[in-house]
Amino acid sequence: MKKHQDWNGKYCPHRILSEDRWGSFLKRIEEAMKPKDSEKPTEKDDDTMKFTSTTAKAAVRDYIQQAVDKKVIDKSWLEKFDNGTMTSGDFEGLKIIIAQRSA
């Protein structure tokens, strides 16, 4: 943080300088920049797809397999599903891609 005075010699910000409040002004800025407890980064949730039904899991895998077989998507998507690293967000995006490319 610089004062106008640091750049052009002008006695500015004059009230803060004349009242000798520059140090406290900088401390208030520093405090305002610190993250609050509610702003602290949280641990990222594991959003990988989880299934409570083997039928649903098989249906999703079949859906992806059919898109791979039709060459609508790359087989790496099926590998990602089989490895258990596909997230719900990945799948939602993949459904849009498949729909667009199949139309």
C-alpha atoms as a PDB file:
ATOM      1  CA  MET A   1       0.000   0.000   0.000  1.00  0.00           C
ATOM      2  CA  LYS A   2       1.441   3.347  -1.031  1.00  0.00           C
ATOM      3  CA  LYS A   3       0.430   6.911  -0.237  1.00  0.00           C
ATOM      4  CA  HIS A   4       0.044   9.537  -2.927  1.00  0.00           C
ATOM      5  CA  GLN A   5       2.964  11.201  -1.181  1.00  0.00           C
ATOM      6  CA  ASP A   6       5.192   8.234  -2.101  1.00  0.00           C
ATOM      7  CA  TRP A   7       4.583   8.833  -5.804  1.00  0.00           C
ATOM      8  CA  ASN A   8       4.316  12.578  -6.324  1.00  0.00           C
ATOM      9  CA  GLY A   9       5.333  14.207  -3.033  1.00  0.00           C
ATOM     10  CA  LYS A  10       1.797  15.496  -2.377  1.00  0.00           C
ATOM     11  CA  TYR A  11       0.869  15.440   1.321  1.00  0.00           C
ATOM     12  CA  CYS A  12      -1.889  12.915   0.839  1.00  0.00           C
ATOM     13  CA  PRO A  13      -3.898  11.339   2.328  1.00  0.00           C
ATOM     14  CA  HIS A  14      -3.553  14.501   4.397  1.00  0.00           C
ATOM     15  CA  ARG A  15      -5.989  13.728   7.254  1.00  0.00           C
ATOM     16  CA  ILE A  16      -4.550  10.275   7.868  1.00  0.00           C
ATOM     17  CA  LEU A  17      -1.018  11.682   7.777  1.00  0.00           C
ATOM     18  CA  SER A  18      -1.725  14.770   9.909  1.00  0.00           C
ATOM     19  CA  GLU A  19      -3.511  12.617  12.513  1.00  0.00           C
ATOM     20  CA  ASP A  20      -0.637  10.096  12.417  1.00  0.00           C
ATOM     21  CA  ARG A  21      -3.014   7.257  11.523  1.00  0.00           C
ATOM     22  CA  TRP A  22      -1.121   5.715   8.574  1.00  0.00           C
ATOM     23  CA  GLY A  23       0.041   2.707  10.628  1.00  0.00           C
ATOM     24  CA  SER A  24      -3.420   1.967  12.008  1.00  0.00           C
ATOM     25  CA  PHE A  25      -4.883   2.404   8.519  1.00  0.00           C
ATOM     26  CA  LEU A  26      -2.481  -0.257   7.184  1.00  0.00           C
ATOM     27  CA  LYS A  27      -3.346  -2.602  10.070  1.00  0.00           C
ATOM     28  CA  ARG A  28      -7.071  -2.259   9.350  1.00  0.00           C
ATOM     29  CA  ILE A  29      -6.463  -3.127   5.702  1.00  0.00           C
ATOM     30  CA  GLU A  30      -4.347  -6.117   6.716  1.00  0.00           C
ATOM     31  CA  GLU A  31      -7.106  -7.350   9.064  1.00  0.00           C
ATOM     32  CA  ALA A  32      -9.757  -6.869   6.398  1.00  0.00           C
ATOM     33  CA  MET A  33      -7.714  -8.962   3.953  1.00  0.00           C
ATOM     34  CA  LYS A  34      -7.408 -11.951   6.301  1.00  0.00           C
ATOM     35  CA  PRO A  35      -9.904 -14.734   5.624  1.00  0.00           C
ATOM     36  CA  LYS A  36     -12.700 -15.019   8.152  1.00  0.00           C
ATOM     37  CA  ASP A  37     -13.470 -18.404   9.719  1.00  0.00           C
ATOM     38  CA  SER A  38     -16.381 -18.795   7.334  1.00  0.00           C
ATOM     39  CA  GLU A  39     -14.107 -18.027   4.353  1.00  0.00           C
ATOM     40  CA  LYS A  40     -11.434 -20.590   5.158  1.00  0.00           C
ATOM     41  CA  PRO A  41     -11.095 -23.153   2.413  1.00  0.00           C
ATOM     42  CA  THR A  42     -12.915 -26.346   3.161  1.00  0.00           C
ATOM     43  CA  GLU A  43     -11.735 -29.783   2.298  1.00  0.00           C
ATOM     44  CA  LYS A  44     -12.958 -30.824  -1.127  1.00  0.00           C
ATOM     45  CA  ASP A  45     -15.736 -33.371  -1.047  1.00  0.00           C
ATOM     46  CA  ASP A  46     -15.172 -36.649  -2.813  1.00  0.00           C
ATOM     47  CA  ASP A  47     -17.724 -36.309  -5.598  1.00  0.00           C
ATOM     48  CA  THR A  48     -16.979 -39.622  -7.292  1.00  0.00           C
ATOM     49  CA  MET A  49     -20.071 -41.440  -8.384  1.00  0.00           C
ATOM     50  CA  LYS A  50     -21.412 -43.923  -5.863  1.00  0.00           C
ATOM     51  CA  PHE A  51     -24.218 -46.368  -6.453  1.00  0.00           C
ATOM     52  CA  THR A  52     -26.528 -48.083  -4.010  1.00  0.00           C
ATOM     53  CA  SER A  53     -27.956 -50.249  -6.777  1.00  0.00           C
ATOM     54  CA  THR A  54     -25.937 -52.555  -8.993  1.00  0.00           C
ATOM     55  CA  THR A  55     -28.697 -52.248 -11.597  1.00  0.00           C
ATOM     56  CA  ALA A  56     -28.286 -48.467 -11.758  1.00  0.00           C
ATOM     57  CA  LYS A  57     -24.497 -48.793 -11.969  1.00  0.00           C
ATOM     58  CA  ALA A  58     -24.814 -51.327 -14.798  1.00  0.00           C
ATOM     59  CA  ALA A  59     -27.265 -49.065 -16.638  1.00  0.00           C
ATOM     60  CA  VAL A  60     -24.906 -46.070 -16.426  1.00  0.00           C
ATOM     61  CA  ARG A  61     -21.978 -48.194 -17.592  1.00  0.00           C
ATOM     62  CA  ASP A  62     -24.062 -49.531 -20.482  1.00  0.00           C
ATOM     63  CA  TYR A  63     -25.062 -45.966 -21.451  1.00  0.00           C
ATOM     64  CA  ILE A  64     -21.410 -44.938 -21.580  1.00  0.00           C
ATOM     65  CA  GLN A  65     -20.411 -48.138 -23.405  1.00  0.00           C
ATOM     66  CA  GLN A  66     -23.034 -47.551 -26.107  1.00  0.00           C
ATOM     67  CA  ALA A  67     -21.758 -44.005 -26.651  1.00  0.00           C
ATOM     68  CA  VAL A  68     -18.194 -45.348 -26.952  1.00  0.00           C
ATOM     69  CA  ASP A  69     -19.321 -48.076 -29.381  1.00  0.00           C
ATOM     70  CA  LYS A  70     -21.044 -45.431 -31.539  1.00  0.00           C
ATOM     71  CA  LYS A  71     -17.820 -43.380 -31.381  1.00  0.00           C
ATOM     72  CA  VAL A  72     -19.707 -40.465 -29.838  1.00  0.00           C
ATOM     73  CA  ILE A  73     -17.200 -40.273 -26.973  1.00  0.00           C
ATOM     74  CA  ASP A  74     -13.692 -41.545 -26.328  1.00  0.00           C
ATOM     75  CA  LYS A  75     -13.194 -44.831 -24.473  1.00  0.00           C
ATOM     76  CA  SER A  76     -11.272 -42.977 -21.764  1.00  0.00           C
ATOM     77  CA  TRP A  77     -14.679 -42.051 -20.303  1.00  0.00           C
ATOM     78  CA  LEU A  78     -15.520 -45.705 -19.834  1.00  0.00           C
ATOM     79  CA  GLU A  79     -12.119 -46.287 -18.246  1.00  0.00           C
ATOM     80  CA  LYS A  80     -12.744 -43.380 -15.890  1.00  0.00           C
ATOM     81  CA  PHE A  81     -16.092 -44.898 -14.904  1.00  0.00           C
ATOM     82  CA  ASP A  82     -14.573 -48.353 -14.414  1.00  0.00           C
ATOM     83  CA  ASN A  83     -11.719 -46.912 -12.318  1.00  0.00           C
ATOM     84  CA  GLY A  84     -14.227 -45.209 -10.036  1.00  0.00           C
ATOM     85  CA  THR A  85     -12.830 -41.735 -10.715  1.00  0.00           C
ATOM     86  CA  MET A  86     -15.778 -40.305 -12.632  1.00  0.00           C
ATOM     87  CA  THR A  87     -17.539 -37.566 -10.688  1.00  0.00           C
ATOM     88  CA  SER A  88     -21.210 -36.711 -10.806  1.00  0.00           C
ATOM     89  CA  GLY A  89     -20.226 -33.478 -12.572  1.00  0.00           C
ATOM     90  CA  ASP A  90     -18.246 -35.442 -15.168  1.00  0.00           C
ATOM     91  CA  PHE A  91     -21.274 -37.612 -15.855  1.00  0.00           C
ATOM     92  CA  GLU A  92     -23.677 -34.670 -16.111  1.00  0.00           C
ATOM     93  CA  GLY A  93     -21.375 -33.013 -18.644  1.00  0.00           C
ATOM     94  CA  LEU A  94     -20.903 -36.290 -20.484  1.00  0.00           C
ATOM     95  CA  LYS A  95     -24.666 -36.713 -20.868  1.00  0.00           C
ATOM     96  CA  ILE A  96     -24.859 -33.277 -22.515  1.00  0.00           C
ATOM     97  CA  ILE A  97     -21.984 -34.103 -24.872  1.00  0.00           C
ATOM     98  CA  ILE A  98     -23.569 -37.425 -25.827  1.00  0.00           C
ATOM     99  CA  ALA A  99     -26.954 -35.772 -26.450  1.00  0.00           C
ATOM    100  CA  GLN A 100     -25.409 -33.029 -28.607  1.00  0.00           C
ATOM    101  CA  ARG A 101     -23.310 -35.411 -30.661  1.00  0.00           C
ATOM    102  CA  SER A 102     -26.143 -37.892 -31.109  1.00  0.00           C
ATOM    103  CA  ALA A 103     -28.623 -35.311 -32.396  1.00  0.00           C
END
